[in-house]
Amino acid sequence: MCCYYVVMVKITDVAEAAGVSPSTVSHVLSGNRPISEETKKRVLNIIKELGYTPNPNARAMKSSRTGIIGFFAGDITEVFVTEIIRGVESVIVPAGYHLLLVSGSEFDDDPRQALEFLISRRIDGAIISYGTSDIKTDSGFGNMSLPLVFINRSYNDVIPCIRPDNYMGGKVVASHFAECGVKKAAIIGGPEKRQASRDRIRGFIERSEELGMEVPEGCVFHTEFTFDGGRKAMKVLLERGKGFDGLFCANDYIACGAMTVAQEAGLSIPDDLKVIGFDDREFARFWPTPVTTMSQPLFQMGRLGARYLVDFNEKEKEIPLLTVLSSSLIPRRSTGF
């Protein structure tokens, strides 16, 4: 019988081979201290040559850190979430961290329970990302001695938040309608209690007034962020007979539901009615009439949230309380492009 042994390369072995001290090797790996490019290159080459892998348990004992970032997602099946996670991983993986992901369904849609679980795993910080109204929001996050970042929504004025500029997004939509020659616009927003929907509508109405574009009375309707919600709302708007030639929908599900009803009623899109959605869901580009929409900076939000946590842990840099990122218009066939 033949026995195989794994020879563990230690940091002292790397230091000796590179002709530097163990602390210099540690600084090269952590980036916490300035090291000359020549020395850094030599140390990294030796690390690769010897196959040295830092011991995460030793690092945790020494620094009281584990190299784990927690992530709470309201719904892990959402494309929104996967894009944000991609952004998070683009930062933490090169920095030597790992991601521990939990979802709302695991913890009765209660972020507090999820965070207590994550804290029991000795995470170094957590990102909280959800936008649905059924998530419990009365969780006392402010009492937690842990670096937290909210993405896609604000919780309070104490915990850092990264979110898209929904208000300005609404203004961009109104400007695009005006450029397309729209004279009267109707709005199908999401639930009135949803801040994102309120901000989008507010920006749209304010910009419409500035441009002289009319939003007739009775042409602002609220519904769920769903395809069926868009269908039902559009039926009501058509029954009111306001003669609008532009329709702003608070998300792409609503837009596709509304467009389906409009076309069933004999309206041509974009000739009779121009439609704009929001969020740039993947299906919007493949819809029979591709939907003009606003693209959210999901990857960037995830990347920035992770950057804040890593910098806080590694360099003790403060995290900004509010970071607002711009969305971008994607013109498609539903407005004539």
C-alpha atoms as a PDB file:
ATOM      1  CA  MET A   1       0.000   0.000   0.000  1.00  0.00           C
ATOM      2  CA  CYS A   2       1.324   3.408  -0.928  1.00  0.00           C
ATOM      3  CA  CYS A   3       0.674   6.446   1.258  1.00  0.00           C
ATOM      4  CA  TYR A   4       0.469  10.022  -0.035  1.00  0.00           C
ATOM      5  CA  TYR A   5       1.186  13.052   2.105  1.00  0.00           C
ATOM      6  CA  VAL A   6       0.287  16.651   1.363  1.00  0.00           C
ATOM      7  CA  VAL A   7       3.110  19.016   2.205  1.00  0.00           C
ATOM      8  CA  MET A   8       1.617  22.314   3.364  1.00  0.00           C
ATOM      9  CA  VAL A   9       3.533  25.377   2.217  1.00  0.00           C
ATOM     10  CA  LYS A  10       3.727  27.966   4.997  1.00  0.00           C
ATOM     11  CA  ILE A  11       4.008  31.721   4.751  1.00  0.00           C
ATOM     12  CA  THR A  12       7.536  31.441   6.176  1.00  0.00           C
ATOM     13  CA  ASP A  13       8.477  29.226   3.214  1.00  0.00           C
ATOM     14  CA  VAL A  14       7.284  31.893   0.787  1.00  0.00           C
ATOM     15  CA  ALA A  15       9.121  34.618   2.713  1.00  0.00           C
ATOM     16  CA  GLU A  16      12.378  32.673   2.732  1.00  0.00           C
ATOM     17  CA  ALA A  17      12.185  31.881  -1.003  1.00  0.00           C
ATOM     18  CA  ALA A  18      11.368  35.510  -1.862  1.00  0.00           C
ATOM     19  CA  GLY A  19      14.001  36.947   0.478  1.00  0.00           C
ATOM     20  CA  VAL A  20      11.477  39.007   2.467  1.00  0.00           C
ATOM     21  CA  SER A  21       9.875  38.871   5.888  1.00  0.00           C
ATOM     22  CA  PRO A  22       6.623  36.936   6.540  1.00  0.00           C
ATOM     23  CA  SER A  23       4.884  40.237   7.302  1.00  0.00           C
ATOM     24  CA  THR A  24       5.798  41.503   3.819  1.00  0.00           C
ATOM     25  CA  VAL A  25       4.175  38.421   2.274  1.00  0.00           C
ATOM     26  CA  SER A  26       1.111  39.073   4.419  1.00  0.00           C
ATOM     27  CA  HIS A  27       0.955  42.712   3.265  1.00  0.00           C
ATOM     28  CA  VAL A  28       1.249  41.656  -0.385  1.00  0.00           C
ATOM     29  CA  LEU A  29      -1.743  39.352   0.074  1.00  0.00           C
ATOM     30  CA  SER A  30      -3.892  41.787   2.042  1.00  0.00           C
ATOM     31  CA  GLY A  31      -2.976  45.014   0.277  1.00  0.00           C
ATOM     32  CA  ASN A  32      -3.028  46.772   3.655  1.00  0.00           C
ATOM     33  CA  ARG A  33       0.471  48.273   3.283  1.00  0.00           C
ATOM     34  CA  PRO A  34       2.276  49.805   0.299  1.00  0.00           C
ATOM     35  CA  ILE A  35       4.753  47.364  -1.228  1.00  0.00           C
ATOM     36  CA  SER A  36       7.022  48.083  -4.183  1.00  0.00           C
ATOM     37  CA  GLU A  37       5.901  46.611  -7.493  1.00  0.00           C
ATOM     38  CA  GLU A  38       9.171  44.706  -7.833  1.00  0.00           C
ATOM     39  CA  THR A  39       8.784  43.048  -4.414  1.00  0.00           C
ATOM     40  CA  LYS A  40       5.081  42.375  -4.965  1.00  0.00           C
ATOM     41  CA  LYS A  41       5.775  40.689  -8.306  1.00  0.00           C
ATOM     42  CA  ARG A  42       8.551  38.544  -6.806  1.00  0.00           C
ATOM     43  CA  VAL A  43       6.383  37.432  -3.883  1.00  0.00           C
ATOM     44  CA  LEU A  44       3.402  36.616  -6.107  1.00  0.00           C
ATOM     45  CA  ASN A  45       5.608  34.576  -8.438  1.00  0.00           C
ATOM     46  CA  ILE A  46       6.945  32.569  -5.485  1.00  0.00           C
ATOM     47  CA  ILE A  47       3.411  32.025  -4.173  1.00  0.00           C
ATOM     48  CA  LYS A  48       2.381  30.645  -7.548  1.00  0.00           C
ATOM     49  CA  GLU A  49       5.519  28.558  -7.875  1.00  0.00           C
ATOM     50  CA  LEU A  50       5.199  26.967  -4.429  1.00  0.00           C
ATOM     51  CA  GLY A  51       1.407  26.677  -4.573  1.00  0.00           C
ATOM     52  CA  TYR A  52       0.927  28.553  -1.310  1.00  0.00           C
ATOM     53  CA  THR A  53      -2.687  29.036  -0.158  1.00  0.00           C
ATOM     54  CA  PRO A  54      -3.418  31.346   2.786  1.00  0.00           C
ATOM     55  CA  ASN A  55      -5.031  29.585   5.737  1.00  0.00           C
ATOM     56  CA  PRO A  56      -8.446  31.235   6.264  1.00  0.00           C
ATOM     57  CA  ASN A  57      -8.735  29.846   9.806  1.00  0.00           C
ATOM     58  CA  ALA A  58      -5.419  31.341  10.813  1.00  0.00           C
ATOM     59  CA  ARG A  59      -6.397  34.671   9.275  1.00  0.00           C
ATOM     60  CA  ALA A  60      -9.713  34.593  11.126  1.00  0.00           C
ATOM     61  CA  MET A  61      -8.048  33.874  14.506  1.00  0.00           C
ATOM     62  CA  LYS A  62      -5.551  36.660  13.994  1.00  0.00           C
ATOM     63  CA  SER A  63      -7.910  39.317  12.692  1.00  0.00           C
ATOM     64  CA  SER A  64     -11.264  38.164  14.146  1.00  0.00           C
ATOM     65  CA  ARG A  65     -12.496  37.970  10.553  1.00  0.00           C
ATOM     66  CA  THR A  66     -13.649  34.953   8.580  1.00  0.00           C
ATOM     67  CA  GLY A  67     -13.475  36.240   5.011  1.00  0.00           C
ATOM     68  CA  ILE A  68     -17.218  35.659   4.528  1.00  0.00           C
ATOM     69  CA  ILE A  69     -19.743  38.226   3.284  1.00  0.00           C
ATOM     70  CA  GLY A  70     -23.412  37.460   3.884  1.00  0.00           C
ATOM     71  CA  PHE A  71     -26.128  38.226   1.346  1.00  0.00           C
ATOM     72  CA  PHE A  72     -29.872  38.266   2.038  1.00  0.00           C
ATOM     73  CA  ALA A  73     -32.110  38.144  -1.028  1.00  0.00           C
ATOM     74  CA  GLY A  74     -35.886  38.397  -0.877  1.00  0.00           C
ATOM     75  CA  ASP A  75     -36.209  36.050  -3.862  1.00  0.00           C
ATOM     76  CA  ILE A  76     -33.164  34.265  -5.287  1.00  0.00           C
ATOM     77  CA  THR A  77     -35.055  33.366  -8.472  1.00  0.00           C
ATOM     78  CA  GLU A  78     -35.206  37.034  -9.527  1.00  0.00           C
ATOM     79  CA  VAL A  79     -32.926  38.091 -12.390  1.00  0.00           C
ATOM     80  CA  PHE A  80     -32.468  41.288 -10.374  1.00  0.00           C
ATOM     81  CA  VAL A  81     -30.794  39.326  -7.604  1.00  0.00           C
ATOM     82  CA  THR A  82     -28.528  37.264  -9.841  1.00  0.00           C
ATOM     83  CA  GLU A  83     -27.160  40.395 -11.501  1.00  0.00           C
ATOM     84  CA  ILE A  84     -26.504  42.038  -8.126  1.00  0.00           C
ATOM     85  CA  ILE A  85     -24.774  38.874  -6.904  1.00  0.00           C
ATOM     86  CA  ARG A  86     -22.577  38.833 -10.005  1.00  0.00           C
ATOM     87  CA  GLY A  87     -21.481  42.343  -9.093  1.00  0.00           C
ATOM     88  CA  VAL A  88     -20.783  41.323  -5.495  1.00  0.00           C
ATOM     89  CA  GLU A  89     -18.708  38.318  -6.543  1.00  0.00           C
ATOM     90  CA  SER A  90     -16.659  40.386  -8.993  1.00  0.00           C
ATOM     91  CA  VAL A  91     -15.245  42.214  -5.962  1.00  0.00           C
ATOM     92  CA  ILE A  92     -15.129  39.732  -3.105  1.00  0.00           C
ATOM     93  CA  VAL A  93     -13.630  36.749  -4.961  1.00  0.00           C
ATOM     94  CA  PRO A  94     -10.449  38.596  -6.062  1.00  0.00           C
ATOM     95  CA  ALA A  95     -10.247  40.053  -2.537  1.00  0.00           C
ATOM     96  CA  GLY A  96     -10.193  36.539  -1.026  1.00  0.00           C
ATOM     97  CA  TYR A  97     -13.714  36.554   0.441  1.00  0.00           C
ATOM     98  CA  HIS A  98     -16.550  34.065   0.058  1.00  0.00           C
ATOM     99  CA  LEU A  99     -20.300  34.678  -0.266  1.00  0.00           C
ATOM    100  CA  LEU A 100     -22.884  33.084   2.018  1.00  0.00           C
ATOM    101  CA  LEU A 101     -26.321  33.497   0.422  1.00  0.00           C
ATOM    102  CA  VAL A 102     -29.683  33.160   2.185  1.00  0.00           C
ATOM    103  CA  SER A 103     -33.173  33.885   0.863  1.00  0.00           C
ATOM    104  CA  GLY A 104     -36.447  35.171   2.210  1.00  0.00           C
ATOM    105  CA  SER A 105     -38.166  31.804   1.823  1.00  0.00           C
ATOM    106  CA  GLU A 106     -35.705  30.240   4.272  1.00  0.00           C
ATOM    107  CA  PHE A 107     -36.563  32.695   7.045  1.00  0.00           C
ATOM    108  CA  ASP A 108     -40.258  33.510   6.643  1.00  0.00           C
ATOM    109  CA  ASP A 109     -39.368  36.646   4.641  1.00  0.00           C
ATOM    110  CA  ASP A 110     -37.771  38.158   7.749  1.00  0.00           C
ATOM    111  CA  PRO A 111     -34.324  39.726   7.147  1.00  0.00           C
ATOM    112  CA  ARG A 112     -33.745  39.927  10.913  1.00  0.00           C
ATOM    113  CA  GLN A 113     -33.901  36.146  11.302  1.00  0.00           C
ATOM    114  CA  ALA A 114     -31.658  35.752   8.269  1.00  0.00           C
ATOM    115  CA  LEU A 115     -29.076  38.161   9.662  1.00  0.00           C
ATOM    116  CA  GLU A 116     -29.059  36.421  13.027  1.00  0.00           C
ATOM    117  CA  PHE A 117     -28.268  33.191  11.191  1.00  0.00           C
ATOM    118  CA  LEU A 118     -25.528  34.859   9.159  1.00  0.00           C
ATOM    119  CA  ILE A 119     -24.006  36.466  12.262  1.00  0.00           C
ATOM    120  CA  SER A 120     -23.877  33.029  13.908  1.00  0.00           C
ATOM    121  CA  ARG A 121     -21.608  32.083  10.987  1.00  0.00           C
ATOM    122  CA  ARG A 122     -19.252  34.959  11.929  1.00  0.00           C
ATOM    123  CA  ILE A 123     -19.634  36.901   8.709  1.00  0.00           C
ATOM    124  CA  ASP A 124     -17.604  40.075   8.170  1.00  0.00           C
ATOM    125  CA  GLY A 125     -20.526  42.073   6.804  1.00  0.00           C
ATOM    126  CA  ALA A 126     -23.815  41.667   4.977  1.00  0.00           C
ATOM    127  CA  ILE A 127     -25.670  42.963   1.940  1.00  0.00           C
ATOM    128  CA  ILE A 128     -29.453  43.104   2.105  1.00  0.00           C
ATOM    129  CA  SER A 129     -31.305  43.218  -1.189  1.00  0.00           C
ATOM    130  CA  TYR A 130     -35.061  43.100  -1.628  1.00  0.00           C
ATOM    131  CA  GLY A 131     -37.807  45.259  -3.032  1.00  0.00           C
ATOM    132  CA  THR A 132     -40.998  43.289  -2.510  1.00  0.00           C
ATOM    133  CA  SER A 133     -43.701  44.532  -0.178  1.00  0.00           C
ATOM    134  CA  ASP A 134     -44.202  41.177   1.587  1.00  0.00           C
ATOM    135  CA  ILE A 135     -40.761  41.293   3.180  1.00  0.00           C
ATOM    136  CA  LYS A 136     -40.968  42.200   6.858  1.00  0.00           C
ATOM    137  CA  THR A 137     -39.359  45.623   7.319  1.00  0.00           C
ATOM    138  CA  ASP A 138     -39.778  46.221  11.056  1.00  0.00           C
ATOM    139  CA  SER A 139     -36.505  44.413  11.789  1.00  0.00           C
ATOM    140  CA  GLY A 140     -34.232  46.325  14.169  1.00  0.00           C
ATOM    141  CA  PHE A 141     -31.173  46.388  11.931  1.00  0.00           C
ATOM    142  CA  GLY A 142     -29.777  49.464  13.667  1.00  0.00           C
ATOM    143  CA  ASN A 143     -28.985  47.389  16.773  1.00  0.00           C
ATOM    144  CA  MET A 144     -26.594  45.075  14.935  1.00  0.00           C
ATOM    145  CA  SER A 145     -22.854  45.489  15.441  1.00  0.00           C
ATOM    146  CA  LEU A 146     -22.099  44.442  11.884  1.00  0.00           C
ATOM    147  CA  PRO A 147     -21.327  46.373   8.686  1.00  0.00           C
ATOM    148  CA  LEU A 148     -24.523  46.375   6.595  1.00  0.00           C
ATOM    149  CA  VAL A 149     -25.366  47.706   3.142  1.00  0.00           C
ATOM    150  CA  PHE A 150     -28.867  47.859   1.690  1.00  0.00           C
ATOM    151  CA  ILE A 151     -29.220  47.547  -2.092  1.00  0.00           C
ATOM    152  CA  ASN A 152     -32.197  48.711  -4.146  1.00  0.00           C
ATOM    153  CA  ARG A 153     -34.040  50.267  -1.218  1.00  0.00           C
ATOM    154  CA  SER A 154     -33.546  52.552   1.780  1.00  0.00           C
ATOM    155  CA  TYR A 155     -34.203  51.290   5.295  1.00  0.00           C
ATOM    156  CA  ASN A 156     -33.393  54.326   7.436  1.00  0.00           C
ATOM    157  CA  ASP A 157     -30.952  57.231   7.530  1.00  0.00           C
ATOM    158  CA  VAL A 158     -28.341  55.285   9.511  1.00  0.00           C
ATOM    159  CA  ILE A 159     -27.674  52.148   7.440  1.00  0.00           C
ATOM    160  CA  PRO A 160     -25.846  52.706   4.117  1.00  0.00           C
ATOM    161  CA  CYS A 161     -27.961  52.267   1.013  1.00  0.00           C
ATOM    162  CA  ILE A 162     -27.246  51.941  -2.709  1.00  0.00           C
ATOM    163  CA  ARG A 163     -30.212  52.430  -4.994  1.00  0.00           C
ATOM    164  CA  PRO A 164     -31.119  53.528  -8.520  1.00  0.00           C
ATOM    165  CA  ASP A 165     -32.404  57.044  -9.196  1.00  0.00           C
ATOM    166  CA  ASN A 166     -36.046  56.163  -9.875  1.00  0.00           C
ATOM    167  CA  TYR A 167     -37.133  59.795  -9.760  1.00  0.00           C
ATOM    168  CA  MET A 168     -34.698  60.810 -12.488  1.00  0.00           C
ATOM    169  CA  GLY A 169     -35.617  57.661 -14.410  1.00  0.00           C
ATOM    170  CA  GLY A 170     -39.199  58.884 -14.576  1.00  0.00           C
ATOM    171  CA  LYS A 171     -37.981  62.217 -15.939  1.00  0.00           C
ATOM    172  CA  VAL A 172     -35.951  60.472 -18.642  1.00  0.00           C
ATOM    173  CA  VAL A 173     -39.032  58.509 -19.717  1.00  0.00           C
ATOM    174  CA  ALA A 174     -41.103  61.708 -20.045  1.00  0.00           C
ATOM    175  CA  SER A 175     -38.353  63.367 -22.099  1.00  0.00           C
ATOM    176  CA  HIS A 176     -38.223  60.364 -24.462  1.00  0.00           C
ATOM    177  CA  PHE A 177     -41.986  60.497 -24.956  1.00  0.00           C
ATOM    178  CA  ALA A 178     -41.779  64.187 -25.819  1.00  0.00           C
ATOM    179  CA  GLU A 179     -39.029  63.473 -28.343  1.00  0.00           C
ATOM    180  CA  CYS A 180     -41.303  60.824 -29.907  1.00  0.00           C
ATOM    181  CA  GLY A 181     -44.141  63.334 -30.297  1.00  0.00           C
ATOM    182  CA  VAL A 182     -46.404  62.090 -27.501  1.00  0.00           C
ATOM    183  CA  LYS A 183     -49.029  64.696 -26.503  1.00  0.00           C
ATOM    184  CA  LYS A 184     -51.049  62.862 -23.833  1.00  0.00           C
ATOM    185  CA  ALA A 185     -49.634  60.194 -21.559  1.00  0.00           C
ATOM    186  CA  ALA A 186     -51.238  57.707 -19.206  1.00  0.00           C
ATOM    187  CA  ILE A 187     -49.435  55.996 -16.330  1.00  0.00           C
ATOM    188  CA  ILE A 188     -49.756  52.510 -14.878  1.00  0.00           C
ATOM    189  CA  GLY A 189     -47.752  52.505 -11.666  1.00  0.00           C
ATOM    190  CA  GLY A 190     -47.043  49.746  -9.214  1.00  0.00           C
ATOM    191  CA  PRO A 191     -48.599  49.539  -5.730  1.00  0.00           C
ATOM    192  CA  GLU A 192     -48.937  52.993  -4.172  1.00  0.00           C
ATOM    193  CA  LYS A 193     -46.963  51.917  -1.088  1.00  0.00           C
ATOM    194  CA  ARG A 194     -43.908  51.040  -3.167  1.00  0.00           C
ATOM    195  CA  GLN A 195     -41.392  53.887  -3.027  1.00  0.00           C
ATOM    196  CA  ALA A 196     -39.765  52.999  -6.350  1.00  0.00           C
ATOM    197  CA  SER A 197     -43.082  53.296  -8.171  1.00  0.00           C
ATOM    198  CA  ARG A 198     -43.948  56.586  -6.456  1.00  0.00           C
ATOM    199  CA  ASP A 199     -40.561  58.074  -7.355  1.00  0.00           C
ATOM    200  CA  ARG A 200     -40.850  57.009 -11.002  1.00  0.00           C
ATOM    201  CA  ILE A 201     -44.323  58.518 -11.329  1.00  0.00           C
ATOM    202  CA  ARG A 202     -43.350  61.731  -9.553  1.00  0.00           C
ATOM    203  CA  GLY A 203     -40.363  62.266 -11.849  1.00  0.00           C
ATOM    204  CA  PHE A 204     -42.479  61.505 -14.918  1.00  0.00           C
ATOM    205  CA  ILE A 205     -45.276  63.925 -14.000  1.00  0.00           C
ATOM    206  CA  GLU A 206     -42.909  66.753 -13.070  1.00  0.00           C
ATOM    207  CA  ARG A 207     -40.984  66.441 -16.327  1.00  0.00           C
ATOM    208  CA  SER A 208     -44.211  66.142 -18.343  1.00  0.00           C
ATOM    209  CA  GLU A 209     -45.407  69.442 -16.872  1.00  0.00           C
ATOM    210  CA  GLU A 210     -42.100  71.090 -17.770  1.00  0.00           C
ATOM    211  CA  LEU A 211     -42.426  69.858 -21.363  1.00  0.00           C
ATOM    212  CA  GLY A 212     -46.102  70.715 -21.753  1.00  0.00           C
ATOM    213  CA  MET A 213     -47.080  67.064 -22.150  1.00  0.00           C
ATOM    214  CA  GLU A 214     -50.506  66.335 -20.663  1.00  0.00           C
ATOM    215  CA  VAL A 215     -51.272  63.592 -18.161  1.00  0.00           C
ATOM    216  CA  PRO A 216     -55.106  63.695 -18.220  1.00  0.00           C
ATOM    217  CA  GLU A 217     -57.106  63.343 -15.020  1.00  0.00           C
ATOM    218  CA  GLY A 218     -58.012  59.721 -14.443  1.00  0.00           C
ATOM    219  CA  CYS A 219     -55.023  58.456 -16.428  1.00  0.00           C
ATOM    220  CA  VAL A 220     -52.867  57.439 -13.453  1.00  0.00           C
ATOM    221  CA  PHE A 221     -53.613  53.887 -12.362  1.00  0.00           C
ATOM    222  CA  HIS A 222     -51.965  51.719  -9.687  1.00  0.00           C
ATOM    223  CA  THR A 223     -51.704  47.945  -9.822  1.00  0.00           C
ATOM    224  CA  GLU A 224     -49.403  45.066  -8.905  1.00  0.00           C
ATOM    225  CA  PHE A 225     -46.010  44.703 -10.606  1.00  0.00           C
ATOM    226  CA  THR A 226     -47.354  41.821 -12.730  1.00  0.00           C
ATOM    227  CA  PHE A 227     -48.439  40.983 -16.270  1.00  0.00           C
ATOM    228  CA  ASP A 228     -52.044  40.497 -15.111  1.00  0.00           C
ATOM    229  CA  GLY A 229     -51.883  43.791 -13.253  1.00  0.00           C
ATOM    230  CA  GLY A 230     -50.936  45.514 -16.506  1.00  0.00           C
ATOM    231  CA  ARG A 231     -53.774  43.801 -18.382  1.00  0.00           C
ATOM    232  CA  LYS A 232     -56.417  44.798 -15.843  1.00  0.00           C
ATOM    233  CA  ALA A 233     -55.181  48.395 -15.574  1.00  0.00           C
ATOM    234  CA  MET A 234     -55.084  48.835 -19.345  1.00  0.00           C
ATOM    235  CA  LYS A 235     -58.673  47.635 -19.702  1.00  0.00           C
ATOM    236  CA  VAL A 236     -59.774  50.291 -17.197  1.00  0.00           C
ATOM    237  CA  LEU A 237     -57.776  53.037 -18.939  1.00  0.00           C
ATOM    238  CA  LEU A 238     -59.237  52.153 -22.346  1.00  0.00           C
ATOM    239  CA  GLU A 239     -62.748  52.171 -20.895  1.00  0.00           C
ATOM    240  CA  ARG A 240     -62.153  55.699 -19.619  1.00  0.00           C
ATOM    241  CA  GLY A 241     -61.485  56.766 -23.209  1.00  0.00           C
ATOM    242  CA  LYS A 242     -59.003  59.573 -22.551  1.00  0.00           C
ATOM    243  CA  GLY A 243     -57.318  59.311 -25.947  1.00  0.00           C
ATOM    244  CA  PHE A 244     -53.731  59.077 -24.707  1.00  0.00           C
ATOM    245  CA  ASP A 245     -50.960  58.305 -27.183  1.00  0.00           C
ATOM    246  CA  GLY A 246     -48.247  57.429 -24.659  1.00  0.00           C
ATOM    247  CA  LEU A 247     -48.244  54.905 -21.805  1.00  0.00           C
ATOM    248  CA  PHE A 248     -45.629  54.815 -19.040  1.00  0.00           C
ATOM    249  CA  CYS A 249     -45.590  51.559 -17.081  1.00  0.00           C
ATOM    250  CA  ALA A 250     -43.722  51.254 -13.786  1.00  0.00           C
ATOM    251  CA  ASN A 251     -42.120  47.967 -14.830  1.00  0.00           C
ATOM    252  CA  ASP A 252     -41.829  45.661 -17.844  1.00  0.00           C
ATOM    253  CA  TYR A 253     -44.352  43.087 -16.602  1.00  0.00           C
ATOM    254  CA  ILE A 254     -47.009  45.805 -16.474  1.00  0.00           C
ATOM    255  CA  ALA A 255     -45.919  47.124 -19.891  1.00  0.00           C
ATOM    256  CA  CYS A 256     -46.264  43.731 -21.589  1.00  0.00           C
ATOM    257  CA  GLY A 257     -49.669  43.090 -20.029  1.00  0.00           C
ATOM    258  CA  ALA A 258     -50.889  46.543 -21.075  1.00  0.00           C
ATOM    259  CA  MET A 259     -49.515  46.186 -24.616  1.00  0.00           C
ATOM    260  CA  THR A 260     -51.285  42.844 -25.029  1.00  0.00           C
ATOM    261  CA  VAL A 261     -54.654  44.403 -24.151  1.00  0.00           C
ATOM    262  CA  ALA A 262     -54.005  47.453 -26.332  1.00  0.00           C
ATOM    263  CA  GLN A 263     -53.205  45.313 -29.361  1.00  0.00           C
ATOM    264  CA  GLU A 264     -56.225  43.073 -28.717  1.00  0.00           C
ATOM    265  CA  ALA A 265     -58.295  46.290 -28.795  1.00  0.00           C
ATOM    266  CA  GLY A 266     -56.923  47.095 -32.268  1.00  0.00           C
ATOM    267  CA  LEU A 267     -54.289  49.677 -31.290  1.00  0.00           C
ATOM    268  CA  SER A 268     -51.013  49.636 -33.198  1.00  0.00           C
ATOM    269  CA  ILE A 269     -47.816  49.963 -31.183  1.00  0.00           C
ATOM    270  CA  PRO A 270     -46.005  52.305 -31.690  1.00  0.00           C
ATOM    271  CA  ASP A 271     -48.182  54.029 -34.340  1.00  0.00           C
ATOM    272  CA  ASP A 272     -51.284  54.546 -32.174  1.00  0.00           C
ATOM    273  CA  LEU A 273     -49.700  54.157 -28.766  1.00  0.00           C
ATOM    274  CA  LYS A 274     -46.097  54.404 -27.593  1.00  0.00           C
ATOM    275  CA  VAL A 275     -45.218  52.375 -24.503  1.00  0.00           C
ATOM    276  CA  ILE A 276     -42.271  52.500 -22.099  1.00  0.00           C
ATOM    277  CA  GLY A 277     -41.588  50.045 -19.269  1.00  0.00           C
ATOM    278  CA  PHE A 278     -38.946  49.975 -16.544  1.00  0.00           C
ATOM    279  CA  ASP A 279     -36.234  47.576 -15.283  1.00  0.00           C
ATOM    280  CA  ASP A 280     -35.094  46.001 -18.595  1.00  0.00           C
ATOM    281  CA  ARG A 281     -36.254  42.491 -17.806  1.00  0.00           C
ATOM    282  CA  GLU A 282     -34.768  39.930 -20.183  1.00  0.00           C
ATOM    283  CA  PHE A 283     -38.120  39.152 -21.833  1.00  0.00           C
ATOM    284  CA  ALA A 284     -38.675  42.832 -22.748  1.00  0.00           C
ATOM    285  CA  ARG A 285     -36.222  42.631 -25.645  1.00  0.00           C
ATOM    286  CA  PHE A 286     -37.823  39.418 -26.973  1.00  0.00           C
ATOM    287  CA  TRP A 287     -41.466  40.484 -26.671  1.00  0.00           C
ATOM    288  CA  PRO A 288     -43.337  40.452 -30.044  1.00  0.00           C
ATOM    289  CA  THR A 289     -43.106  44.238 -29.904  1.00  0.00           C
ATOM    290  CA  PRO A 290     -39.792  44.800 -28.055  1.00  0.00           C
ATOM    291  CA  VAL A 291     -40.293  47.141 -25.114  1.00  0.00           C
ATOM    292  CA  THR A 292     -38.510  50.468 -24.652  1.00  0.00           C
ATOM    293  CA  THR A 293     -37.416  50.449 -21.020  1.00  0.00           C
ATOM    294  CA  MET A 294     -35.073  51.798 -18.361  1.00  0.00           C
ATOM    295  CA  SER A 295     -32.092  49.604 -17.483  1.00  0.00           C
ATOM    296  CA  GLN A 296     -31.171  49.403 -13.802  1.00  0.00           C
ATOM    297  CA  PRO A 297     -27.493  49.450 -12.672  1.00  0.00           C
ATOM    298  CA  LEU A 298     -27.818  46.086 -10.907  1.00  0.00           C
ATOM    299  CA  PHE A 299     -24.282  44.773 -11.454  1.00  0.00           C
ATOM    300  CA  GLN A 300     -22.838  48.141 -10.425  1.00  0.00           C
ATOM    301  CA  MET A 301     -24.946  48.252  -7.256  1.00  0.00           C
ATOM    302  CA  GLY A 302     -23.727  44.805  -6.224  1.00  0.00           C
ATOM    303  CA  ARG A 303     -20.144  45.648  -7.055  1.00  0.00           C
ATOM    304  CA  LEU A 304     -20.239  48.903  -5.122  1.00  0.00           C
ATOM    305  CA  GLY A 305     -21.923  47.333  -2.093  1.00  0.00           C
ATOM    306  CA  ALA A 306     -19.234  44.668  -1.933  1.00  0.00           C
ATOM    307  CA  ARG A 307     -16.491  47.259  -2.423  1.00  0.00           C
ATOM    308  CA  TYR A 308     -17.813  49.247   0.522  1.00  0.00           C
ATOM    309  CA  LEU A 309     -17.760  46.198   2.813  1.00  0.00           C
ATOM    310  CA  VAL A 310     -14.314  45.013   1.730  1.00  0.00           C
ATOM    311  CA  ASP A 311     -12.827  48.500   2.106  1.00  0.00           C
ATOM    312  CA  PHE A 312     -14.476  48.863   5.510  1.00  0.00           C
ATOM    313  CA  ASN A 313     -12.983  45.581   6.706  1.00  0.00           C
ATOM    314  CA  GLU A 314      -9.549  45.899   5.114  1.00  0.00           C
ATOM    315  CA  LYS A 315      -8.886  49.636   5.298  1.00  0.00           C
ATOM    316  CA  GLU A 316     -11.471  50.890   7.819  1.00  0.00           C
ATOM    317  CA  LYS A 317     -12.863  53.272   5.212  1.00  0.00           C
ATOM    318  CA  GLU A 318     -16.239  54.800   6.028  1.00  0.00           C
ATOM    319  CA  ILE A 319     -19.251  53.703   3.998  1.00  0.00           C
ATOM    320  CA  PRO A 320     -21.363  56.508   2.441  1.00  0.00           C
ATOM    321  CA  LEU A 321     -24.904  56.538   3.828  1.00  0.00           C
ATOM    322  CA  LEU A 322     -26.548  57.008   0.432  1.00  0.00           C
ATOM    323  CA  THR A 323     -25.301  56.230  -3.057  1.00  0.00           C
ATOM    324  CA  VAL A 324     -27.690  56.853  -5.957  1.00  0.00           C
ATOM    325  CA  LEU A 325     -26.854  55.448  -9.400  1.00  0.00           C
ATOM    326  CA  SER A 326     -28.366  56.475 -12.722  1.00  0.00           C
ATOM    327  CA  SER A 327     -30.531  54.213 -14.872  1.00  0.00           C
ATOM    328  CA  SER A 328     -30.308  54.339 -18.661  1.00  0.00           C
ATOM    329  CA  LEU A 329     -32.951  54.385 -21.396  1.00  0.00           C
ATOM    330  CA  ILE A 330     -33.003  51.525 -23.889  1.00  0.00           C
ATOM    331  CA  PRO A 331     -35.122  52.543 -26.930  1.00  0.00           C
ATOM    332  CA  ARG A 332     -36.910  49.717 -28.749  1.00  0.00           C
ATOM    333  CA  ARG A 333     -39.815  49.154 -31.098  1.00  0.00           C
ATOM    334  CA  SER A 334     -42.565  50.105 -28.622  1.00  0.00           C
ATOM    335  CA  THR A 335     -41.590  53.767 -29.102  1.00  0.00           C
ATOM    336  CA  GLY A 336     -40.624  53.454 -32.760  1.00  0.00           C
ATOM    337  CA  PHE A 337     -36.985  52.397 -32.571  1.00  0.00           C
END
